[in-house]
């Protein structure tokens, strides 16, 4: 239906996955040093967003 639409992961999706991976790494380090529930909540949100982006690359909607 949209001829110029990128099916699957584009450059922004790959860049977002790379950035989220770095954020998750640092968030795990912070959580190991200072285990606060809010840090675990942020880590859970970041991991779920990463899995959503990976799912979008593996199973595109086109």
C-alpha atoms as a PDB file:
ATOM      1  CA  UNK A   1       0.000   0.000   0.000  1.00  0.00           C
ATOM      2  CA  UNK A   2       2.862   2.406   0.790  1.00  0.00           C
ATOM      3  CA  UNK A   3       5.607   1.891  -1.790  1.00  0.00           C
ATOM      4  CA  UNK A   4       8.297   3.842   0.099  1.00  0.00           C
ATOM      5  CA  UNK A   5       7.638   2.215   3.449  1.00  0.00           C
ATOM      6  CA  UNK A   6      10.523   0.256   4.932  1.00  0.00           C
ATOM      7  CA  UNK A   7       9.315  -3.170   6.026  1.00  0.00           C
ATOM      8  CA  UNK A   8      11.085  -4.403   9.112  1.00  0.00           C
ATOM      9  CA  UNK A   9      14.004  -2.676  10.729  1.00  0.00           C
ATOM     10  CA  UNK A  10      15.351   0.503   9.308  1.00  0.00           C
ATOM     11  CA  UNK A  11      18.363   2.489  10.343  1.00  0.00           C
ATOM     12  CA  UNK A  12      16.533   4.083  13.262  1.00  0.00           C
ATOM     13  CA  UNK A  13      15.507   0.683  14.643  1.00  0.00           C
ATOM     14  CA  UNK A  14      19.075  -0.629  14.485  1.00  0.00           C
ATOM     15  CA  UNK A  15      20.348   2.555  16.122  1.00  0.00           C
ATOM     16  CA  UNK A  16      17.684   2.308  18.843  1.00  0.00           C
ATOM     17  CA  UNK A  17      18.621  -1.324  19.570  1.00  0.00           C
ATOM     18  CA  UNK A  18      22.294  -0.372  19.865  1.00  0.00           C
ATOM     19  CA  UNK A  19      21.489   2.531  22.174  1.00  0.00           C
ATOM     20  CA  UNK A  20      19.167   0.424  24.312  1.00  0.00           C
ATOM     21  CA  UNK A  21      21.839  -2.262  24.649  1.00  0.00           C
ATOM     22  CA  UNK A  22      24.277   0.308  26.008  1.00  0.00           C
ATOM     23  CA  UNK A  23      21.643   1.714  28.389  1.00  0.00           C
ATOM     24  CA  UNK A  24      20.738  -1.760  29.644  1.00  0.00           C
ATOM     25  CA  UNK A  25      24.401  -2.558  30.297  1.00  0.00           C
ATOM     26  CA  UNK A  26      24.874   0.575  32.400  1.00  0.00           C
ATOM     27  CA  UNK A  27      21.526   0.078  34.128  1.00  0.00           C
ATOM     28  CA  UNK A  28      22.547  -3.449  35.156  1.00  0.00           C
ATOM     29  CA  UNK A  29      25.782  -2.078  36.609  1.00  0.00           C
ATOM     30  CA  UNK A  30      23.904   0.613  38.532  1.00  0.00           C
ATOM     31  CA  UNK A  31      21.365  -1.940  39.788  1.00  0.00           C
ATOM     32  CA  UNK A  32      24.124  -4.257  41.003  1.00  0.00           C
ATOM     33  CA  UNK A  33      25.798  -1.417  42.902  1.00  0.00           C
ATOM     34  CA  UNK A  34      22.629   0.233  44.216  1.00  0.00           C
ATOM     35  CA  UNK A  35      19.618  -2.139  44.127  1.00  0.00           C
ATOM     36  CA  UNK A  36      16.644   0.222  44.280  1.00  0.00           C
ATOM     37  CA  UNK A  37      13.205  -0.803  43.020  1.00  0.00           C
ATOM     38  CA  UNK A  38      13.038   2.169  40.687  1.00  0.00           C
ATOM     39  CA  UNK A  39      16.232   0.988  38.952  1.00  0.00           C
ATOM     40  CA  UNK A  40      14.692  -2.437  38.454  1.00  0.00           C
ATOM     41  CA  UNK A  41      11.552  -0.835  37.023  1.00  0.00           C
ATOM     42  CA  UNK A  42      13.590   1.194  34.511  1.00  0.00           C
ATOM     43  CA  UNK A  43      15.554  -1.936  33.595  1.00  0.00           C
ATOM     44  CA  UNK A  44      12.309  -3.827  32.990  1.00  0.00           C
ATOM     45  CA  UNK A  45      11.020  -1.060  30.707  1.00  0.00           C
ATOM     46  CA  UNK A  46      14.279  -0.955  28.738  1.00  0.00           C
ATOM     47  CA  UNK A  47      14.372  -4.733  28.251  1.00  0.00           C
ATOM     48  CA  UNK A  48      10.741  -4.868  27.133  1.00  0.00           C
ATOM     49  CA  UNK A  49      11.373  -2.044  24.643  1.00  0.00           C
ATOM     50  CA  UNK A  50      14.433  -3.878  23.324  1.00  0.00           C
ATOM     51  CA  UNK A  51      12.425  -7.069  22.822  1.00  0.00           C
ATOM     52  CA  UNK A  52       9.699  -5.082  21.057  1.00  0.00           C
ATOM     53  CA  UNK A  53      12.214  -3.616  18.606  1.00  0.00           C
ATOM     54  CA  UNK A  54      13.814  -7.009  18.010  1.00  0.00           C
ATOM     55  CA  UNK A  55      10.371  -8.518  17.405  1.00  0.00           C
ATOM     56  CA  UNK A  56       9.673  -5.727  14.913  1.00  0.00           C
ATOM     57  CA  UNK A  57      12.813  -6.608  12.957  1.00  0.00           C
ATOM     58  CA  UNK A  58      12.179 -10.358  12.982  1.00  0.00           C
ATOM     59  CA  UNK A  59       8.455 -10.181  12.141  1.00  0.00           C
ATOM     60  CA  UNK A  60       7.737  -7.063  10.047  1.00  0.00           C
ATOM     61  CA  UNK A  61       4.129  -5.948   9.507  1.00  0.00           C
ATOM     62  CA  UNK A  62       4.327  -5.722   5.708  1.00  0.00           C
END
